[in-house]
C-alpha atoms as a PDB file:
ATOM      1  CA  MET A   1     155.875  83.762  99.777  1.00  0.00           C
ATOM      2  CA  THR A   2     157.285  85.737  96.864  1.00  0.00           C
ATOM      3  CA  ALA A   3     155.429  85.428  93.565  1.00  0.00           C
ATOM      4  CA  PRO A   4     157.485  83.917  90.742  1.00  0.00           C
ATOM      5  CA  THR A   5     158.915  86.283  88.169  1.00  0.00           C
ATOM      6  CA  LEU A   6     157.177  85.873  84.825  1.00  0.00           C
ATOM      7  CA  MET A   7     159.247  85.989  81.667  1.00  0.00           C
ATOM      8  CA  PRO A   8     158.287  88.897  79.369  1.00  0.00           C
ATOM      9  CA  ARG A   9     156.658  88.038  76.078  1.00  0.00           C
ATOM     10  CA  TYR A  10     158.707  88.330  72.919  1.00  0.00           C
ATOM     11  CA  ARG A  11     158.110  91.673  71.201  1.00  0.00           C
ATOM     12  CA  GLY A  12     160.610  91.588  68.386  1.00  0.00           C
ATOM     13  CA  GLY A  13     158.103  91.043  65.588  1.00  0.00           C
ATOM     14  CA  ASP A  14     157.147  87.922  63.715  1.00  0.00           C
ATOM     15  CA  GLN A  15     160.728  86.908  62.935  1.00  0.00           C
ATOM     16  CA  PRO A  16     162.869  86.170  65.976  1.00  0.00           C
ATOM     17  CA  LEU A  17     166.609  86.057  65.361  1.00  0.00           C
ATOM     18  CA  VAL A  18     168.216  82.676  66.024  1.00  0.00           C
ATOM     19  CA  VAL A  19     172.020  82.735  66.187  1.00  0.00           C
ATOM     20  CA  GLY A  20     173.881  79.487  65.590  1.00  0.00           C
ATOM     21  CA  ILE A  21     177.357  79.188  67.123  1.00  0.00           C
ATOM     22  CA  GLY A  22     179.863  76.375  66.740  1.00  0.00           C
ATOM     23  CA  GLY A  23     181.259  73.666  64.560  1.00  0.00           C
ATOM     24  CA  THR A  24     184.901  72.778  64.100  1.00  0.00           C
ATOM     25  CA  LEU A  25     187.680  74.163  61.946  1.00  0.00           C
ATOM     26  CA  ARG A  26     187.462  71.071  59.761  1.00  0.00           C
ATOM     27  CA  SER A  27     185.644  71.760  56.499  1.00  0.00           C
ATOM     28  CA  CYS A  28     182.128  70.260  56.354  1.00  0.00           C
ATOM     29  CA  SER A  29     182.347  69.019  59.950  1.00  0.00           C
ATOM     30  CA  SER A  30     179.462  67.020  61.366  1.00  0.00           C
ATOM     31  CA  SER A  31     178.811  69.582  64.086  1.00  0.00           C
ATOM     32  CA  GLU A  32     178.580  72.483  61.646  1.00  0.00           C
ATOM     33  CA  THR A  33     176.387  70.421  59.306  1.00  0.00           C
ATOM     34  CA  ALA A  34     174.042  69.560  62.181  1.00  0.00           C
ATOM     35  CA  LEU A  35     173.958  73.213  63.238  1.00  0.00           C
ATOM     36  CA  ARG A  36     173.038  74.317  59.724  1.00  0.00           C
ATOM     37  CA  CYS A  37     170.229  71.751  59.630  1.00  0.00           C
ATOM     38  CA  ALA A  38     168.797  73.012  62.917  1.00  0.00           C
ATOM     39  CA  LEU A  39     169.004  76.614  61.707  1.00  0.00           C
ATOM     40  CA  ASP A  40     167.194  75.583  58.509  1.00  0.00           C
ATOM     41  CA  ALA A  41     164.405  74.206  60.681  1.00  0.00           C
ATOM     42  CA  ALA A  42     164.258  77.503  62.568  1.00  0.00           C
ATOM     43  CA  THR A  43     163.987  79.542  59.369  1.00  0.00           C
ATOM     44  CA  ALA A  44     161.296  77.166  58.112  1.00  0.00           C
ATOM     45  CA  ARG A  45     159.316  78.219  61.210  1.00  0.00           C
ATOM     46  CA  GLY A  46     159.651  81.891  60.309  1.00  0.00           C
ATOM     47  CA  ALA A  47     162.845  82.882  62.123  1.00  0.00           C
ATOM     48  CA  ARG A  48     165.808  84.817  60.820  1.00  0.00           C
ATOM     49  CA  ALA A  49     169.109  82.985  61.230  1.00  0.00           C
ATOM     50  CA  GLN A  50     172.716  84.044  61.672  1.00  0.00           C
ATOM     51  CA  LEU A  51     175.541  81.506  61.678  1.00  0.00           C
ATOM     52  CA  LEU A  52     178.871  82.028  63.421  1.00  0.00           C
ATOM     53  CA  THR A  53     181.094  79.178  62.309  1.00  0.00           C
ATOM     54  CA  ALA A  54     184.110  77.869  64.159  1.00  0.00           C
ATOM     55  CA  ARG A  55     186.423  79.936  61.976  1.00  0.00           C
ATOM     56  CA  GLU A  56     184.770  83.069  63.351  1.00  0.00           C
ATOM     57  CA  LEU A  57     185.373  81.848  66.901  1.00  0.00           C
ATOM     58  CA  VAL A  58     189.172  81.763  66.632  1.00  0.00           C
ATOM     59  CA  LEU A  59     189.768  84.307  69.377  1.00  0.00           C
ATOM     60  CA  PRO A  60     192.596  85.045  71.804  1.00  0.00           C
ATOM     61  CA  MET A  61     192.217  83.163  75.081  1.00  0.00           C
ATOM     62  CA  TYR A  62     189.758  85.092  77.210  1.00  0.00           C
ATOM     63  CA  ASP A  63     191.414  87.255  79.854  1.00  0.00           C
ATOM     64  CA  SER A  64     188.917  88.936  82.159  1.00  0.00           C
ATOM     65  CA  GLU A  65     191.440  91.639  83.037  1.00  0.00           C
ATOM     66  CA  ARG A  66     192.344  92.456  79.433  1.00  0.00           C
ATOM     67  CA  PRO A  67     189.695  90.971  77.153  1.00  0.00           C
ATOM     68  CA  ASP A  68     190.202  91.442  73.416  1.00  0.00           C
ATOM     69  CA  VAL A  69     186.691  92.769  72.906  1.00  0.00           C
ATOM     70  CA  ASP A  70     187.453  94.020  69.398  1.00  0.00           C
ATOM     71  CA  ALA A  71     188.273  90.492  68.232  1.00  0.00           C
ATOM     72  CA  ALA A  72     185.047  89.184  69.768  1.00  0.00           C
ATOM     73  CA  ALA A  73     182.878  92.115  68.657  1.00  0.00           C
ATOM     74  CA  ARG A  74     180.912  90.138  66.046  1.00  0.00           C
ATOM     75  CA  LEU A  75     180.178  87.368  68.555  1.00  0.00           C
ATOM     76  CA  LEU A  76     179.086  89.751  71.301  1.00  0.00           C
ATOM     77  CA  THR A  77     176.940  91.814  68.930  1.00  0.00           C
ATOM     78  CA  ALA A  78     175.236  88.693  67.590  1.00  0.00           C
ATOM     79  CA  VAL A  79     174.501  87.282  71.036  1.00  0.00           C
ATOM     80  CA  ARG A  80     173.121  90.614  72.247  1.00  0.00           C
ATOM     81  CA  ALA A  81     170.777  90.755  69.245  1.00  0.00           C
ATOM     82  CA  ALA A  82     169.726  87.113  69.419  1.00  0.00           C
ATOM     83  CA  ASP A  83     166.279  86.105  70.578  1.00  0.00           C
ATOM     84  CA  ALA A  84     167.452  82.482  70.803  1.00  0.00           C
ATOM     85  CA  LEU A  85     170.615  80.513  70.094  1.00  0.00           C
ATOM     86  CA  ILE A  86     171.708  77.089  68.947  1.00  0.00           C
ATOM     87  CA  LEU A  87     175.120  75.836  70.086  1.00  0.00           C
ATOM     88  CA  ALA A  88     176.955  72.979  68.398  1.00  0.00           C
ATOM     89  CA  THR A  89     180.208  71.393  69.505  1.00  0.00           C
ATOM     90  CA  PRO A  90     182.185  68.231  69.009  1.00  0.00           C
ATOM     91  CA  GLY A  91     182.641  66.141  72.126  1.00  0.00           C
ATOM     92  CA  TYR A  92     186.313  66.264  73.059  1.00  0.00           C
ATOM     93  CA  HIS A  93     187.210  63.963  75.962  1.00  0.00           C
ATOM     94  CA  GLY A  94     183.807  64.348  77.548  1.00  0.00           C
ATOM     95  CA  GLY A  95     183.581  68.115  77.187  1.00  0.00           C
ATOM     96  CA  THR A  96     183.100  70.928  74.705  1.00  0.00           C
ATOM     97  CA  SER A  97     185.766  71.999  72.259  1.00  0.00           C
ATOM     98  CA  GLY A  98     188.184  74.589  73.604  1.00  0.00           C
ATOM     99  CA  LEU A  99     187.165  76.833  70.714  1.00  0.00           C
ATOM    100  CA  LEU A 100     183.516  76.998  71.774  1.00  0.00           C
ATOM    101  CA  LYS A 101     184.272  77.185  75.492  1.00  0.00           C
ATOM    102  CA  ASN A 102     186.607  80.139  74.947  1.00  0.00           C
ATOM    103  CA  ALA A 103     183.956  81.893  72.858  1.00  0.00           C
ATOM    104  CA  LEU A 104     181.401  81.356  75.612  1.00  0.00           C
ATOM    105  CA  ASP A 105     183.884  82.718  78.151  1.00  0.00           C
ATOM    106  CA  TYR A 106     183.799  85.996  76.208  1.00  0.00           C
ATOM    107  CA  LEU A 107     180.119  86.295  77.135  1.00  0.00           C
ATOM    108  CA  GLN A 108     181.396  87.487  80.504  1.00  0.00           C
ATOM    109  CA  GLU A 109     181.579  90.842  78.715  1.00  0.00           C
ATOM    110  CA  LEU A 110     177.761  90.838  78.716  1.00  0.00           C
ATOM    111  CA  ALA A 111     177.613  90.682  82.518  1.00  0.00           C
ATOM    112  CA  GLY A 112     176.798  94.377  82.858  1.00  0.00           C
ATOM    113  CA  ASP A 113     174.106  94.427  80.184  1.00  0.00           C
ATOM    114  CA  PRO A 114     170.472  95.105  81.147  1.00  0.00           C
ATOM    115  CA  GLN A 115     169.916  91.493  80.075  1.00  0.00           C
ATOM    116  CA  PRO A 116     173.165  89.822  81.210  1.00  0.00           C
ATOM    117  CA  TYR A 117     174.742  86.794  79.586  1.00  0.00           C
ATOM    118  CA  LEU A 118     172.033  84.624  77.949  1.00  0.00           C
ATOM    119  CA  ASP A 119     169.362  85.659  80.413  1.00  0.00           C
ATOM    120  CA  GLY A 120     165.909  84.613  79.217  1.00  0.00           C
ATOM    121  CA  LYS A 121     167.100  83.194  75.891  1.00  0.00           C
ATOM    122  CA  ALA A 122     166.226  79.725  74.666  1.00  0.00           C
ATOM    123  CA  VAL A 123     169.320  77.752  73.666  1.00  0.00           C
ATOM    124  CA  GLY A 124     169.339  74.572  71.599  1.00  0.00           C
ATOM    125  CA  CYS A 125     172.296  72.257  72.257  1.00  0.00           C
ATOM    126  CA  ILE A 126     173.855  69.891  69.709  1.00  0.00           C
ATOM    127  CA  VAL A 127     176.861  67.621  70.243  1.00  0.00           C
ATOM    128  CA  THR A 128     178.656  65.414  67.733  1.00  0.00           C
ATOM    129  CA  ALA A 129     180.967  62.655  68.881  1.00  0.00           C
ATOM    130  CA  ALA A 130     182.405  59.345  67.761  1.00  0.00           C
ATOM    131  CA  GLY A 131     180.189  57.343  70.111  1.00  0.00           C
ATOM    132  CA  TRP A 132     177.201  57.824  72.376  1.00  0.00           C
ATOM    133  CA  GLN A 133     179.024  58.031  75.730  1.00  0.00           C
ATOM    134  CA  ALA A 134     181.200  61.011  74.805  1.00  0.00           C
ATOM    135  CA  GLY A 135     178.218  62.711  73.221  1.00  0.00           C
ATOM    136  CA  ALA A 136     175.970  62.295  76.255  1.00  0.00           C
ATOM    137  CA  SER A 137     178.529  63.607  78.758  1.00  0.00           C
ATOM    138  CA  THR A 138     179.337  66.574  76.522  1.00  0.00           C
ATOM    139  CA  LEU A 139     175.656  67.419  76.078  1.00  0.00           C
ATOM    140  CA  ALA A 140     175.273  67.519  79.859  1.00  0.00           C
ATOM    141  CA  ALA A 141     178.297  69.831  80.043  1.00  0.00           C
ATOM    142  CA  VAL A 142     176.903  72.205  77.404  1.00  0.00           C
ATOM    143  CA  ARG A 143     173.525  72.368  79.140  1.00  0.00           C
ATOM    144  CA  SER A 144     175.296  73.161  82.435  1.00  0.00           C
ATOM    145  CA  VAL A 145     177.188  76.036  80.811  1.00  0.00           C
ATOM    146  CA  VAL A 146     173.943  77.401  79.349  1.00  0.00           C
ATOM    147  CA  HIS A 147     172.336  77.247  82.799  1.00  0.00           C
ATOM    148  CA  ALA A 148     175.325  79.064  84.298  1.00  0.00           C
ATOM    149  CA  LEU A 149     174.870  81.792  81.678  1.00  0.00           C
ATOM    150  CA  ARG A 150     171.190  82.082  82.686  1.00  0.00           C
ATOM    151  CA  GLY A 151     169.941  80.635  79.413  1.00  0.00           C
ATOM    152  CA  TRP A 152     167.095  78.165  78.917  1.00  0.00           C
ATOM    153  CA  PRO A 153     168.277  74.917  77.299  1.00  0.00           C
ATOM    154  CA  THR A 154     165.543  73.504  75.099  1.00  0.00           C
ATOM    155  CA  PRO A 155     163.931  70.313  76.399  1.00  0.00           C
ATOM    156  CA  LEU A 156     165.491  68.333  73.558  1.00  0.00           C
ATOM    157  CA  GLY A 157     169.255  68.283  73.167  1.00  0.00           C
ATOM    158  CA  VAL A 158     170.714  66.317  70.263  1.00  0.00           C
ATOM    159  CA  VAL A 159     173.662  63.934  70.223  1.00  0.00           C
ATOM    160  CA  VAL A 160     174.966  63.035  66.767  1.00  0.00           C
ATOM    161  CA  ASN A 161     176.977  59.810  66.613  1.00  0.00           C
ATOM    162  CA  SER A 162     179.403  60.508  63.780  1.00  0.00           C
ATOM    163  CA  LEU A 163     180.353  56.821  63.598  1.00  0.00           C
ATOM    164  CA  ASN A 164     176.948  56.236  62.011  1.00  0.00           C
ATOM    165  CA  ASN A 165     177.811  58.536  59.064  1.00  0.00           C
ATOM    166  CA  PRO A 166     174.519  60.450  59.385  1.00  0.00           C
ATOM    167  CA  PHE A 167     175.320  63.031  56.683  1.00  0.00           C
ATOM    168  CA  GLY A 168     175.886  62.700  52.959  1.00  0.00           C
ATOM    169  CA  PRO A 169     178.658  64.404  50.942  1.00  0.00           C
ATOM    170  CA  ALA A 170     176.478  67.433  50.211  1.00  0.00           C
ATOM    171  CA  GLY A 171     175.484  67.881  53.847  1.00  0.00           C
ATOM    172  CA  GLU A 172     172.161  66.122  53.471  1.00  0.00           C
ATOM    173  CA  ILE A 173     170.810  64.146  56.438  1.00  0.00           C
ATOM    174  CA  LEU A 174     170.740  60.427  55.796  1.00  0.00           C
ATOM    175  CA  ASP A 175     169.336  59.511  59.212  1.00  0.00           C
ATOM    176  CA  ALA A 176     165.585  60.205  59.373  1.00  0.00           C
ATOM    177  CA  LYS A 177     165.510  60.076  63.181  1.00  0.00           C
ATOM    178  CA  LEU A 178     168.309  62.631  63.441  1.00  0.00           C
ATOM    179  CA  ALA A 179     166.549  64.846  60.904  1.00  0.00           C
ATOM    180  CA  GLY A 180     163.487  64.839  63.121  1.00  0.00           C
ATOM    181  CA  GLN A 181     165.509  65.674  66.229  1.00  0.00           C
ATOM    182  CA  LEU A 182     167.279  68.627  64.612  1.00  0.00           C
ATOM    183  CA  ASP A 183     163.928  69.843  63.334  1.00  0.00           C
ATOM    184  CA  VAL A 184     162.559  69.741  66.886  1.00  0.00           C
ATOM    185  CA  VAL A 185     165.489  71.786  68.240  1.00  0.00           C
ATOM    186  CA  GLY A 186     165.029  74.426  65.547  1.00  0.00           C
ATOM    187  CA  THR A 187     161.302  74.497  66.194  1.00  0.00           C
ATOM    188  CA  GLN A 188     161.663  74.722  69.963  1.00  0.00           C
ATOM    189  CA  VAL A 189     164.001  77.718  69.985  1.00  0.00           C
ATOM    190  CA  VAL A 190     161.632  79.620  67.699  1.00  0.00           C
ATOM    191  CA  SER A 191     158.550  78.635  69.702  1.00  0.00           C
ATOM    192  CA  PHE A 192     160.126  79.617  72.999  1.00  0.00           C
ATOM    193  CA  ALA A 193     161.360  82.943  71.603  1.00  0.00           C
ATOM    194  CA  GLN A 194     157.847  83.764  70.457  1.00  0.00           C
ATOM    195  CA  ALA A 195     156.299  82.516  73.712  1.00  0.00           C
ATOM    196  CA  GLY A 196     158.400  84.779  75.877  1.00  0.00           C
ATOM    197  CA  LEU A 197     161.602  82.885  76.724  1.00  0.00           C
ATOM    198  CA  ALA A 198     163.640  85.368  74.713  1.00  0.00           C
ATOM    199  CA  ARG A 199     164.611  88.945  75.268  1.00  0.00           C
ATOM    200  CA  VAL A 200     162.336  91.938  74.878  1.00  0.00           C
ATOM    201  CA  SER A 201     163.595  94.040  71.988  1.00  0.00           C
END
């Protein structure tokens, strides 16, 4: 019987880098607001944070034969450097937004890296949708994509029901339960990065 492979411990210092990716092109979208809240929780636990908003994910459709790597350079550089990630997407017809899915398709360009794709990285998953059913099915889809990219979805994934108006006009969280859930996601990605579920620098 082969012994299980143990994940290496994080060695990047006391401040792991958490990269947040997602949102929508709409200004002050619920998904981007939720992502910012989760990143705030991560920085409160001692992490560094980098946010790639939806506007930075407007990329040509991914073509594996002729990928526009220059256009996606900031995304690929950020993901390579990340010790953990948080993904946020609206739920569109039971799945992720095309914008986020296309950005994740570009991670195919990391296939030849020493640490391919999202291998060994903790990934928090957040979905916003106008109703619980669309949110739940989309969250399952996001977690499946993370698994396919060899990432480690955090135990808690968050569904934000936008029909409940959980955010105020300044981006503040009005729903105490949601605030606690986003805090847990931010905390978990930092904890797992420090415990060894992130890359060795």
